[in-house]
Amino acid sequence: MKLVVMIPAYNEGETIGSVIKEIPRDCCEQVEVLVINDGSCDNTVKEAERAGADKIISFKRNKGLAPAFRAGLETALEMDADIIVNIDADGQYNPNEIPKLIEPIIEGKADFVLGSRFRGRIEYMPVHKKVTNRIATFVTRRVSGLPISDAQTGFRAFTRDAAFHLNVMSDYTYVQETLMQAANYDLVIEEIPIEFRKRSGGESRLISNIWRYAKRAGGTIVTTYRDYKPLKTFSYLGLFFIVCGLILGFRVFIHYFDTGVVGSYLPSAVLTVLLLIVGIQTVVLGLLADMLKTHRRIQDEVLYRLKKMERDNRRK
């Protein structure tokens, strides 16, 4: 069984070496370390090489966490990984906990394992990040239906088969999208408590601006939910317009019932009709989008099978 530990890194020359050295090499029959250098302009690559990284891929410019994760996932599959672990390069996650993280996968109990900081021990996390992590986890839990305590964790493991199912489309972050995809494909997800250490290499490169992160991560959640639950998304939106139209139209109806004319309520009557039309059209759009979801499911299944065939051909 082969384990590939992938480490997305951007200007983490101070910490990446110690992270690689801490990775236990005896937790699987074969363990390899893959570093995804996301356009670093410091000594990240040299430190990774010095620490013993087995493979390093580099972007010419900084593309962001989601593209780095996507490239790492594809490369790990090309490296013939049976299990893939993702860990950050800043040293806040403890690499010595990798055996504990992959244990449910080895035992055949899970397809996807999350290292939960909130069920484990947090040495230090700024209050604003703790609050936003809690909020993002609550929202992700609600829209995905997964009983998880830490949707934002970057310390996670998945089987090769689960990795075949993951298609990261976001250009910013992968954490919420991959969970919602896993829920959509009924992958078995487990959480284990982990240690979260205090960062020693300056400010975080992953989340440099918490409000920008919240805005873009929220957009990813909404977009992913729309793609996988189109009927619910457009039905809720359509019902909102319909209810607003009915509430506004109630006054018009009462006035017409009393006087027999619309009179000064004509603008309200027109707006009521418009809201009802928009609401009904939005619901109809949801029905059409739900039909397209079936085609997306078929396309995802075709892509999944192509990935498996490509791997099988490499093994021959």
C-alpha atoms as a PDB file:
ATOM      1  CA  MET A   1       0.000   0.000   0.000  1.00  0.00           C
ATOM      2  CA  LYS A   2       1.398   3.370  -1.023  1.00  0.00           C
ATOM      3  CA  LEU A   3       0.800   6.628   0.814  1.00  0.00           C
ATOM      4  CA  VAL A   4       1.460  10.000  -0.821  1.00  0.00           C
ATOM      5  CA  VAL A   5       1.570  13.003   1.492  1.00  0.00           C
ATOM      6  CA  MET A   6       0.916  16.154  -0.517  1.00  0.00           C
ATOM      7  CA  ILE A   7       1.961  19.567   0.807  1.00  0.00           C
ATOM      8  CA  PRO A   8       0.775  22.751  -0.964  1.00  0.00           C
ATOM      9  CA  ALA A   9       3.282  25.487  -0.148  1.00  0.00           C
ATOM     10  CA  TYR A  10       3.639  29.188  -0.815  1.00  0.00           C
ATOM     11  CA  ASN A  11       6.658  30.960   0.687  1.00  0.00           C
ATOM     12  CA  GLU A  12       6.956  28.447   3.546  1.00  0.00           C
ATOM     13  CA  GLY A  13      10.738  28.093   3.503  1.00  0.00           C
ATOM     14  CA  GLU A  14      10.919  28.559   7.276  1.00  0.00           C
ATOM     15  CA  THR A  15       8.681  25.609   8.122  1.00  0.00           C
ATOM     16  CA  ILE A  16       8.361  23.164   5.224  1.00  0.00           C
ATOM     17  CA  GLY A  17      11.612  21.378   6.009  1.00  0.00           C
ATOM     18  CA  SER A  18      10.546  20.487   9.538  1.00  0.00           C
ATOM     19  CA  VAL A  19       7.108  19.375   8.289  1.00  0.00           C
ATOM     20  CA  ILE A  20       8.677  16.948   5.790  1.00  0.00           C
ATOM     21  CA  LYS A  21      11.149  15.600   8.353  1.00  0.00           C
ATOM     22  CA  GLU A  22       8.320  14.897  10.815  1.00  0.00           C
ATOM     23  CA  ILE A  23       6.346  12.788   8.337  1.00  0.00           C
ATOM     24  CA  PRO A  24       6.579   9.143   9.513  1.00  0.00           C
ATOM     25  CA  ARG A  25       7.926   6.931   6.754  1.00  0.00           C
ATOM     26  CA  ASP A  26       6.937   3.649   8.381  1.00  0.00           C
ATOM     27  CA  CYS A  27       3.141   4.081   8.574  1.00  0.00           C
ATOM     28  CA  CYS A  28       2.653   2.366   5.196  1.00  0.00           C
ATOM     29  CA  GLU A  29       4.597  -0.033   3.033  1.00  0.00           C
ATOM     30  CA  GLN A  30       5.671   2.921   0.898  1.00  0.00           C
ATOM     31  CA  VAL A  31       5.486   6.611   1.806  1.00  0.00           C
ATOM     32  CA  GLU A  32       6.336   9.450  -0.565  1.00  0.00           C
ATOM     33  CA  VAL A  33       6.187  13.207  -0.054  1.00  0.00           C
ATOM     34  CA  LEU A  34       4.857  15.466  -2.794  1.00  0.00           C
ATOM     35  CA  VAL A  35       5.344  19.233  -2.554  1.00  0.00           C
ATOM     36  CA  ILE A  36       3.275  21.602  -4.682  1.00  0.00           C
ATOM     37  CA  ASN A  37       5.235  24.838  -4.885  1.00  0.00           C
ATOM     38  CA  ASP A  38       2.641  27.521  -5.555  1.00  0.00           C
ATOM     39  CA  GLY A  39       4.939  30.104  -7.144  1.00  0.00           C
ATOM     40  CA  SER A  40       7.069  30.689  -4.021  1.00  0.00           C
ATOM     41  CA  CYS A  41       9.695  33.398  -4.233  1.00  0.00           C
ATOM     42  CA  ASP A  42      11.671  32.295  -1.179  1.00  0.00           C
ATOM     43  CA  ASN A  43      13.702  29.122  -0.502  1.00  0.00           C
ATOM     44  CA  THR A  44      10.705  26.776  -0.203  1.00  0.00           C
ATOM     45  CA  VAL A  45      11.900  24.446  -2.974  1.00  0.00           C
ATOM     46  CA  LYS A  46      15.477  24.216  -1.679  1.00  0.00           C
ATOM     47  CA  GLU A  47      14.299  23.477   1.858  1.00  0.00           C
ATOM     48  CA  ALA A  48      11.879  20.832   0.575  1.00  0.00           C
ATOM     49  CA  GLU A  49      14.641  19.146  -1.437  1.00  0.00           C
ATOM     50  CA  ARG A  50      17.026  19.289   1.523  1.00  0.00           C
ATOM     51  CA  ALA A  51      14.412  17.726   3.818  1.00  0.00           C
ATOM     52  CA  GLY A  52      13.852  14.780   1.488  1.00  0.00           C
ATOM     53  CA  ALA A  53      10.769  15.524  -0.604  1.00  0.00           C
ATOM     54  CA  ASP A  54      10.333  12.750  -3.179  1.00  0.00           C
ATOM     55  CA  LYS A  55       8.675  14.932  -5.823  1.00  0.00           C
ATOM     56  CA  ILE A  56       8.228  18.682  -6.268  1.00  0.00           C
ATOM     57  CA  ILE A  57       6.018  20.364  -8.838  1.00  0.00           C
ATOM     58  CA  SER A  58       6.171  24.137  -9.246  1.00  0.00           C
ATOM     59  CA  PHE A  59       3.914  26.838 -10.632  1.00  0.00           C
ATOM     60  CA  LYS A  60       5.597  29.779 -12.346  1.00  0.00           C
ATOM     61  CA  ARG A  61       3.326  32.158 -10.409  1.00  0.00           C
ATOM     62  CA  ASN A  62       1.126  31.988  -7.348  1.00  0.00           C
ATOM     63  CA  LYS A  63      -2.236  30.472  -8.358  1.00  0.00           C
ATOM     64  CA  GLY A  64      -3.842  29.873  -4.988  1.00  0.00           C
ATOM     65  CA  LEU A  65      -4.758  26.988  -2.728  1.00  0.00           C
ATOM     66  CA  ALA A  66      -7.435  25.333  -4.876  1.00  0.00           C
ATOM     67  CA  PRO A  67      -5.273  25.017  -8.051  1.00  0.00           C
ATOM     68  CA  ALA A  68      -2.368  23.759  -5.912  1.00  0.00           C
ATOM     69  CA  PHE A  69      -4.606  21.137  -4.288  1.00  0.00           C
ATOM     70  CA  ARG A  70      -5.998  20.101  -7.666  1.00  0.00           C
ATOM     71  CA  ALA A  71      -2.512  19.706  -9.156  1.00  0.00           C
ATOM     72  CA  GLY A  72      -1.371  17.777  -6.095  1.00  0.00           C
ATOM     73  CA  LEU A  73      -4.318  15.414  -6.306  1.00  0.00           C
ATOM     74  CA  GLU A  74      -3.678  14.685  -9.980  1.00  0.00           C
ATOM     75  CA  THR A  75       0.043  14.160  -9.400  1.00  0.00           C
ATOM     76  CA  ALA A  76      -0.534  11.908  -6.387  1.00  0.00           C
ATOM     77  CA  LEU A  77      -2.780   9.700  -8.516  1.00  0.00           C
ATOM     78  CA  GLU A  78      -0.096   9.630 -11.214  1.00  0.00           C
ATOM     79  CA  MET A  79       2.324   8.497  -8.502  1.00  0.00           C
ATOM     80  CA  ASP A  80       0.011   5.509  -7.996  1.00  0.00           C
ATOM     81  CA  ALA A  81      -1.090   6.461  -4.484  1.00  0.00           C
ATOM     82  CA  ASP A  82      -3.474   4.142  -2.639  1.00  0.00           C
ATOM     83  CA  ILE A  83      -4.000   6.715   0.111  1.00  0.00           C
ATOM     84  CA  ILE A  84      -3.492  10.473  -0.167  1.00  0.00           C
ATOM     85  CA  VAL A  85      -2.940  12.778   2.793  1.00  0.00           C
ATOM     86  CA  ASN A  86      -3.054  16.562   2.481  1.00  0.00           C
ATOM     87  CA  ILE A  87      -1.237  18.651   5.074  1.00  0.00           C
ATOM     88  CA  ASP A  88      -0.302  22.323   5.235  1.00  0.00           C
ATOM     89  CA  ALA A  89       3.305  23.471   5.011  1.00  0.00           C
ATOM     90  CA  ASP A  90       3.170  25.867   7.961  1.00  0.00           C
ATOM     91  CA  GLY A  91       3.685  23.231  10.655  1.00  0.00           C
ATOM     92  CA  GLN A  92       0.423  23.823  12.511  1.00  0.00           C
ATOM     93  CA  TYR A  93      -0.771  20.280  11.836  1.00  0.00           C
ATOM     94  CA  ASN A  94       1.325  17.539  13.426  1.00  0.00           C
ATOM     95  CA  PRO A  95       2.663  15.116  10.765  1.00  0.00           C
ATOM     96  CA  ASN A  96       3.195  12.477  13.467  1.00  0.00           C
ATOM     97  CA  GLU A  97      -0.599  12.127  13.576  1.00  0.00           C
ATOM     98  CA  ILE A  98      -0.736  10.846   9.984  1.00  0.00           C
ATOM     99  CA  PRO A  99      -0.925   7.171  11.117  1.00  0.00           C
ATOM    100  CA  LYS A 100      -3.956   8.052  13.240  1.00  0.00           C
ATOM    101  CA  LEU A 101      -5.501   9.958  10.323  1.00  0.00           C
ATOM    102  CA  ILE A 102      -5.220   7.094   7.843  1.00  0.00           C
ATOM    103  CA  GLU A 103      -6.192   4.326  10.274  1.00  0.00           C
ATOM    104  CA  PRO A 104      -9.949   4.390   9.400  1.00  0.00           C
ATOM    105  CA  ILE A 105      -9.009   4.098   5.708  1.00  0.00           C
ATOM    106  CA  ILE A 106      -6.619   1.185   6.257  1.00  0.00           C
ATOM    107  CA  GLU A 107      -9.278  -0.596   8.329  1.00  0.00           C
ATOM    108  CA  GLY A 108     -11.833  -0.058   5.532  1.00  0.00           C
ATOM    109  CA  LYS A 109     -14.115   2.083   7.702  1.00  0.00           C
ATOM    110  CA  ALA A 110     -13.907   5.331   5.726  1.00  0.00           C
ATOM    111  CA  ASP A 111     -13.249   6.813   2.290  1.00  0.00           C
ATOM    112  CA  PHE A 112     -12.474  10.299   3.567  1.00  0.00           C
ATOM    113  CA  VAL A 113     -11.007  11.271   6.952  1.00  0.00           C
ATOM    114  CA  LEU A 114     -10.890  14.771   8.423  1.00  0.00           C
ATOM    115  CA  GLY A 115      -8.562  15.866  11.185  1.00  0.00           C
ATOM    116  CA  SER A 116     -10.802  17.924  13.478  1.00  0.00           C
ATOM    117  CA  ARG A 117      -9.125  20.720  15.392  1.00  0.00           C
ATOM    118  CA  PHE A 118     -12.258  21.447  17.412  1.00  0.00           C
ATOM    119  CA  ARG A 119     -12.515  17.867  18.664  1.00  0.00           C
ATOM    120  CA  GLY A 120      -8.825  17.805  19.465  1.00  0.00           C
ATOM    121  CA  ARG A 121      -6.458  20.323  21.058  1.00  0.00           C
ATOM    122  CA  ILE A 122      -5.878  23.836  19.759  1.00  0.00           C
ATOM    123  CA  GLU A 123      -2.666  25.366  21.043  1.00  0.00           C
ATOM    124  CA  TYR A 124      -3.477  28.734  19.531  1.00  0.00           C
ATOM    125  CA  MET A 125      -5.979  30.149  17.043  1.00  0.00           C
ATOM    126  CA  PRO A 126      -6.918  33.851  16.760  1.00  0.00           C
ATOM    127  CA  VAL A 127     -10.460  34.550  17.944  1.00  0.00           C
ATOM    128  CA  HIS A 128     -11.612  35.926  14.570  1.00  0.00           C
ATOM    129  CA  LYS A 129     -10.382  32.789  12.775  1.00  0.00           C
ATOM    130  CA  LYS A 130     -11.995  30.536  15.352  1.00  0.00           C
ATOM    131  CA  VAL A 131     -15.330  32.320  14.887  1.00  0.00           C
ATOM    132  CA  THR A 132     -15.201  32.288  11.080  1.00  0.00           C
ATOM    133  CA  ASN A 133     -14.165  28.609  11.090  1.00  0.00           C
ATOM    134  CA  ARG A 134     -17.151  27.803  13.280  1.00  0.00           C
ATOM    135  CA  ILE A 135     -19.516  29.758  11.027  1.00  0.00           C
ATOM    136  CA  ALA A 136     -18.132  28.184   7.830  1.00  0.00           C
ATOM    137  CA  THR A 137     -18.402  24.729   9.383  1.00  0.00           C
ATOM    138  CA  PHE A 138     -22.013  25.371  10.433  1.00  0.00           C
ATOM    139  CA  VAL A 139     -22.953  26.518   6.922  1.00  0.00           C
ATOM    140  CA  THR A 140     -21.126  23.600   5.263  1.00  0.00           C
ATOM    141  CA  ARG A 141     -22.756  21.144   7.663  1.00  0.00           C
ATOM    142  CA  ARG A 142     -26.198  22.535   6.872  1.00  0.00           C
ATOM    143  CA  VAL A 143     -25.862  22.492   3.089  1.00  0.00           C
ATOM    144  CA  SER A 144     -24.014  19.150   2.870  1.00  0.00           C
ATOM    145  CA  GLY A 145     -25.886  17.263   5.570  1.00  0.00           C
ATOM    146  CA  LEU A 146     -22.604  15.947   6.999  1.00  0.00           C
ATOM    147  CA  PRO A 147     -22.281  15.792  10.819  1.00  0.00           C
ATOM    148  CA  ILE A 148     -18.819  17.392  10.873  1.00  0.00           C
ATOM    149  CA  SER A 149     -17.161  19.638  13.432  1.00  0.00           C
ATOM    150  CA  ASP A 150     -14.369  21.166  11.306  1.00  0.00           C
ATOM    151  CA  ALA A 151     -15.089  21.747   7.615  1.00  0.00           C
ATOM    152  CA  GLN A 152     -12.097  24.065   7.206  1.00  0.00           C
ATOM    153  CA  THR A 153      -9.371  21.659   8.217  1.00  0.00           C
ATOM    154  CA  GLY A 154      -6.532  21.198   5.734  1.00  0.00           C
ATOM    155  CA  PHE A 155      -5.378  17.963   7.372  1.00  0.00           C
ATOM    156  CA  ARG A 156      -7.339  15.256   5.589  1.00  0.00           C
ATOM    157  CA  ALA A 157      -6.887  11.831   4.031  1.00  0.00           C
ATOM    158  CA  PHE A 158      -8.768  10.015   1.301  1.00  0.00           C
ATOM    159  CA  THR A 159      -8.635   6.783  -0.619  1.00  0.00           C
ATOM    160  CA  ARG A 160      -7.573   6.609  -4.241  1.00  0.00           C
ATOM    161  CA  ASP A 161     -11.180   5.875  -5.214  1.00  0.00           C
ATOM    162  CA  ALA A 162     -12.424   8.918  -3.320  1.00  0.00           C
ATOM    163  CA  ALA A 163      -9.783  11.058  -5.055  1.00  0.00           C
ATOM    164  CA  PHE A 164     -11.122   9.902  -8.425  1.00  0.00           C
ATOM    165  CA  HIS A 165     -14.483  11.423  -7.456  1.00  0.00           C
ATOM    166  CA  LEU A 166     -13.095  14.813  -6.427  1.00  0.00           C
ATOM    167  CA  ASN A 167     -13.129  17.467  -9.147  1.00  0.00           C
ATOM    168  CA  VAL A 168     -12.111  20.823  -7.694  1.00  0.00           C
ATOM    169  CA  MET A 169     -13.577  23.601  -9.848  1.00  0.00           C
ATOM    170  CA  SER A 170     -13.013  26.522  -7.480  1.00  0.00           C
ATOM    171  CA  ASP A 171     -10.039  28.805  -8.058  1.00  0.00           C
ATOM    172  CA  TYR A 172      -9.709  29.817  -4.396  1.00  0.00           C
ATOM    173  CA  THR A 173     -10.258  27.056  -1.805  1.00  0.00           C
ATOM    174  CA  TYR A 174     -11.074  23.361  -1.923  1.00  0.00           C
ATOM    175  CA  VAL A 175     -12.177  22.536   1.625  1.00  0.00           C
ATOM    176  CA  GLN A 176     -15.938  23.080   1.332  1.00  0.00           C
ATOM    177  CA  GLU A 177     -16.288  21.946  -2.279  1.00  0.00           C
ATOM    178  CA  THR A 178     -14.614  18.571  -1.723  1.00  0.00           C
ATOM    179  CA  LEU A 179     -16.817  17.865   1.302  1.00  0.00           C
ATOM    180  CA  MET A 180     -19.983  18.643  -0.625  1.00  0.00           C
ATOM    181  CA  GLN A 181     -18.805  16.446  -3.486  1.00  0.00           C
ATOM    182  CA  ALA A 182     -18.055  13.634  -1.040  1.00  0.00           C
ATOM    183  CA  ALA A 183     -21.551  13.961   0.407  1.00  0.00           C
ATOM    184  CA  ASN A 184     -23.048  13.935  -3.095  1.00  0.00           C
ATOM    185  CA  TYR A 185     -21.283  10.655  -3.906  1.00  0.00           C
ATOM    186  CA  ASP A 186     -22.148   9.069  -0.554  1.00  0.00           C
ATOM    187  CA  LEU A 187     -18.522   8.652   0.473  1.00  0.00           C
ATOM    188  CA  VAL A 188     -18.051   7.505   4.066  1.00  0.00           C
ATOM    189  CA  ILE A 189     -16.513  10.365   6.059  1.00  0.00           C
ATOM    190  CA  GLU A 190     -14.986  10.148   9.524  1.00  0.00           C
ATOM    191  CA  GLU A 191     -13.396  12.702  11.810  1.00  0.00           C
ATOM    192  CA  ILE A 192     -10.566  12.181  14.268  1.00  0.00           C
ATOM    193  CA  PRO A 193      -9.365  14.653  16.908  1.00  0.00           C
ATOM    194  CA  ILE A 194      -5.992  16.244  16.124  1.00  0.00           C
ATOM    195  CA  GLU A 195      -3.508  18.691  17.582  1.00  0.00           C
ATOM    196  CA  PHE A 196      -3.379  22.186  16.097  1.00  0.00           C
ATOM    197  CA  ARG A 197      -0.137  23.948  16.904  1.00  0.00           C
ATOM    198  CA  LYS A 198       0.754  27.605  17.053  1.00  0.00           C
ATOM    199  CA  ARG A 199       2.193  28.952  13.805  1.00  0.00           C
ATOM    200  CA  SER A 200       5.897  29.786  14.001  1.00  0.00           C
ATOM    201  CA  GLY A 201       6.608  31.127  10.504  1.00  0.00           C
ATOM    202  CA  GLY A 202       4.947  34.551  10.574  1.00  0.00           C
ATOM    203  CA  GLU A 203       1.480  35.326   9.197  1.00  0.00           C
ATOM    204  CA  SER A 204      -0.622  32.718   7.410  1.00  0.00           C
ATOM    205  CA  ARG A 205      -0.229  32.602   3.628  1.00  0.00           C
ATOM    206  CA  LEU A 206      -3.395  30.526   3.284  1.00  0.00           C
ATOM    207  CA  ILE A 207      -5.741  33.120   4.783  1.00  0.00           C
ATOM    208  CA  SER A 208      -4.069  36.516   4.626  1.00  0.00           C
ATOM    209  CA  ASN A 209      -7.373  38.421   4.765  1.00  0.00           C
ATOM    210  CA  ILE A 210     -10.167  36.770   6.753  1.00  0.00           C
ATOM    211  CA  TRP A 211     -12.971  38.851   5.221  1.00  0.00           C
ATOM    212  CA  ARG A 212     -11.802  38.170   1.676  1.00  0.00           C
ATOM    213  CA  TYR A 213     -11.598  34.488   2.528  1.00  0.00           C
ATOM    214  CA  ALA A 214     -15.097  34.479   4.019  1.00  0.00           C
ATOM    215  CA  LYS A 215     -16.518  36.198   0.935  1.00  0.00           C
ATOM    216  CA  ARG A 216     -14.886  33.871  -1.588  1.00  0.00           C
ATOM    217  CA  ALA A 217     -15.377  30.701   0.463  1.00  0.00           C
ATOM    218  CA  GLY A 218     -19.032  31.631   0.893  1.00  0.00           C
ATOM    219  CA  GLY A 219     -19.307  32.055  -2.867  1.00  0.00           C
ATOM    220  CA  THR A 220     -17.823  28.588  -3.354  1.00  0.00           C
ATOM    221  CA  ILE A 221     -20.377  27.064  -0.973  1.00  0.00           C
ATOM    222  CA  VAL A 222     -23.288  28.776  -2.739  1.00  0.00           C
ATOM    223  CA  THR A 223     -22.038  27.812  -6.209  1.00  0.00           C
ATOM    224  CA  THR A 224     -21.404  24.191  -5.252  1.00  0.00           C
ATOM    225  CA  TYR A 225     -24.785  23.901  -3.536  1.00  0.00           C
ATOM    226  CA  ARG A 226     -26.462  25.381  -6.625  1.00  0.00           C
ATOM    227  CA  ASP A 227     -24.717  22.847  -8.874  1.00  0.00           C
ATOM    228  CA  TYR A 228     -25.557  19.795  -6.754  1.00  0.00           C
ATOM    229  CA  LYS A 229     -28.955  20.913  -5.381  1.00  0.00           C
ATOM    230  CA  PRO A 230     -30.395  23.068  -8.203  1.00  0.00           C
ATOM    231  CA  LEU A 231     -34.067  22.243  -7.569  1.00  0.00           C
ATOM    232  CA  LYS A 232     -33.863  23.253  -3.900  1.00  0.00           C
ATOM    233  CA  THR A 233     -31.824  26.365  -4.690  1.00  0.00           C
ATOM    234  CA  PHE A 234     -34.165  27.748  -7.338  1.00  0.00           C
ATOM    235  CA  SER A 235     -37.316  26.559  -5.553  1.00  0.00           C
ATOM    236  CA  TYR A 236     -36.391  28.453  -2.390  1.00  0.00           C
ATOM    237  CA  LEU A 237     -35.549  31.545  -4.437  1.00  0.00           C
ATOM    238  CA  GLY A 238     -38.745  31.253  -6.486  1.00  0.00           C
ATOM    239  CA  LEU A 239     -40.901  30.741  -3.399  1.00  0.00           C
ATOM    240  CA  PHE A 240     -39.369  33.876  -1.880  1.00  0.00           C
ATOM    241  CA  PHE A 241     -40.570  35.953  -4.849  1.00  0.00           C
ATOM    242  CA  ILE A 242     -43.980  34.262  -4.841  1.00  0.00           C
ATOM    243  CA  VAL A 243     -44.505  34.856  -1.112  1.00  0.00           C
ATOM    244  CA  CYS A 244     -43.433  38.503  -1.471  1.00  0.00           C
ATOM    245  CA  GLY A 245     -45.864  38.876  -4.368  1.00  0.00           C
ATOM    246  CA  LEU A 246     -48.729  37.313  -2.398  1.00  0.00           C
ATOM    247  CA  ILE A 247     -48.064  39.503   0.642  1.00  0.00           C
ATOM    248  CA  LEU A 248     -47.963  42.635  -1.499  1.00  0.00           C
ATOM    249  CA  GLY A 249     -51.000  41.525  -3.504  1.00  0.00           C
ATOM    250  CA  PHE A 250     -53.082  40.869  -0.373  1.00  0.00           C
ATOM    251  CA  ARG A 251     -53.599  44.609   0.162  1.00  0.00           C
ATOM    252  CA  VAL A 252     -54.564  45.050  -3.485  1.00  0.00           C
ATOM    253  CA  PHE A 253     -57.075  42.192  -3.275  1.00  0.00           C
ATOM    254  CA  ILE A 254     -58.668  43.572  -0.079  1.00  0.00           C
ATOM    255  CA  HIS A 255     -58.950  47.055  -1.627  1.00  0.00           C
ATOM    256  CA  TYR A 256     -60.462  45.657  -4.833  1.00  0.00           C
ATOM    257  CA  PHE A 257     -62.881  43.476  -2.837  1.00  0.00           C
ATOM    258  CA  ASP A 258     -64.077  46.534  -0.867  1.00  0.00           C
ATOM    259  CA  THR A 259     -64.258  49.107  -3.686  1.00  0.00           C
ATOM    260  CA  GLY A 260     -64.433  47.121  -6.910  1.00  0.00           C
ATOM    261  CA  VAL A 261     -61.518  49.042  -8.419  1.00  0.00           C
ATOM    262  CA  VAL A 262     -57.749  48.897  -8.127  1.00  0.00           C
ATOM    263  CA  GLY A 263     -57.336  52.669  -8.169  1.00  0.00           C
ATOM    264  CA  SER A 264     -54.221  53.982  -6.428  1.00  0.00           C
ATOM    265  CA  TYR A 265     -53.050  50.415  -5.806  1.00  0.00           C
ATOM    266  CA  LEU A 266     -52.249  49.929  -9.492  1.00  0.00           C
ATOM    267  CA  PRO A 267     -48.422  50.117  -8.992  1.00  0.00           C
ATOM    268  CA  SER A 268     -48.684  47.505  -6.215  1.00  0.00           C
ATOM    269  CA  ALA A 269     -50.829  45.311  -8.452  1.00  0.00           C
ATOM    270  CA  VAL A 270     -48.269  45.510 -11.274  1.00  0.00           C
ATOM    271  CA  LEU A 271     -45.417  44.711  -8.884  1.00  0.00           C
ATOM    272  CA  THR A 272     -47.392  41.768  -7.480  1.00  0.00           C
ATOM    273  CA  VAL A 273     -47.857  40.309 -10.950  1.00  0.00           C
ATOM    274  CA  LEU A 274     -44.152  40.785 -11.739  1.00  0.00           C
ATOM    275  CA  LEU A 275     -43.063  39.087  -8.496  1.00  0.00           C
ATOM    276  CA  LEU A 276     -45.383  36.141  -9.131  1.00  0.00           C
ATOM    277  CA  ILE A 277     -44.136  35.761 -12.715  1.00  0.00           C
ATOM    278  CA  VAL A 278     -40.469  35.943 -11.637  1.00  0.00           C
ATOM    279  CA  GLY A 279     -41.135  33.431  -8.830  1.00  0.00           C
ATOM    280  CA  ILE A 280     -42.859  30.924 -11.115  1.00  0.00           C
ATOM    281  CA  GLN A 281     -40.168  31.284 -13.776  1.00  0.00           C
ATOM    282  CA  THR A 282     -37.456  30.739 -11.151  1.00  0.00           C
ATOM    283  CA  VAL A 283     -39.110  27.495  -9.988  1.00  0.00           C
ATOM    284  CA  VAL A 284     -39.374  26.351 -13.622  1.00  0.00           C
ATOM    285  CA  LEU A 285     -35.682  27.186 -14.068  1.00  0.00           C
ATOM    286  CA  GLY A 286     -34.974  24.971 -11.053  1.00  0.00           C
ATOM    287  CA  LEU A 287     -36.814  22.080 -12.722  1.00  0.00           C
ATOM    288  CA  LEU A 288     -34.717  22.513 -15.873  1.00  0.00           C
ATOM    289  CA  ALA A 289     -31.493  22.769 -13.852  1.00  0.00           C
ATOM    290  CA  ASP A 290     -32.428  19.587 -11.989  1.00  0.00           C
ATOM    291  CA  MET A 291     -32.710  17.798 -15.338  1.00  0.00           C
ATOM    292  CA  LEU A 292     -29.240  19.045 -16.275  1.00  0.00           C
ATOM    293  CA  LYS A 293     -27.923  17.734 -12.942  1.00  0.00           C
ATOM    294  CA  THR A 294     -28.582  14.219 -14.201  1.00  0.00           C
ATOM    295  CA  HIS A 295     -26.335  14.876 -17.197  1.00  0.00           C
ATOM    296  CA  ARG A 296     -23.639  16.264 -14.889  1.00  0.00           C
ATOM    297  CA  ARG A 297     -23.832  13.108 -12.803  1.00  0.00           C
ATOM    298  CA  ILE A 298     -23.302  11.037 -15.926  1.00  0.00           C
ATOM    299  CA  GLN A 299     -20.344  13.200 -16.967  1.00  0.00           C
ATOM    300  CA  ASP A 300     -18.791  12.856 -13.514  1.00  0.00           C
ATOM    301  CA  GLU A 301     -19.204   9.097 -13.681  1.00  0.00           C
ATOM    302  CA  VAL A 302     -17.549   9.014 -17.114  1.00  0.00           C
ATOM    303  CA  LEU A 303     -14.659  11.117 -15.779  1.00  0.00           C
ATOM    304  CA  TYR A 304     -14.340   8.798 -12.771  1.00  0.00           C
ATOM    305  CA  ARG A 305     -14.117   5.749 -15.026  1.00  0.00           C
ATOM    306  CA  LEU A 306     -11.595   7.448 -17.322  1.00  0.00           C
ATOM    307  CA  LYS A 307      -9.358   8.212 -14.340  1.00  0.00           C
ATOM    308  CA  LYS A 308      -9.512   4.591 -13.225  1.00  0.00           C
ATOM    309  CA  MET A 309      -8.763   3.325 -16.737  1.00  0.00           C
ATOM    310  CA  GLU A 310      -5.799   5.707 -17.029  1.00  0.00           C
ATOM    311  CA  ARG A 311      -4.397   4.414 -13.750  1.00  0.00           C
ATOM    312  CA  ASP A 312      -4.925   0.773 -14.749  1.00  0.00           C
ATOM    313  CA  ASN A 313      -3.144   1.395 -18.048  1.00  0.00           C
ATOM    314  CA  ARG A 314      -0.164   2.930 -16.240  1.00  0.00           C
ATOM    315  CA  ARG A 315       0.096  -0.143 -14.032  1.00  0.00           C
ATOM    316  CA  LYS A 316       0.281  -2.541 -17.000  1.00  0.00           C
END
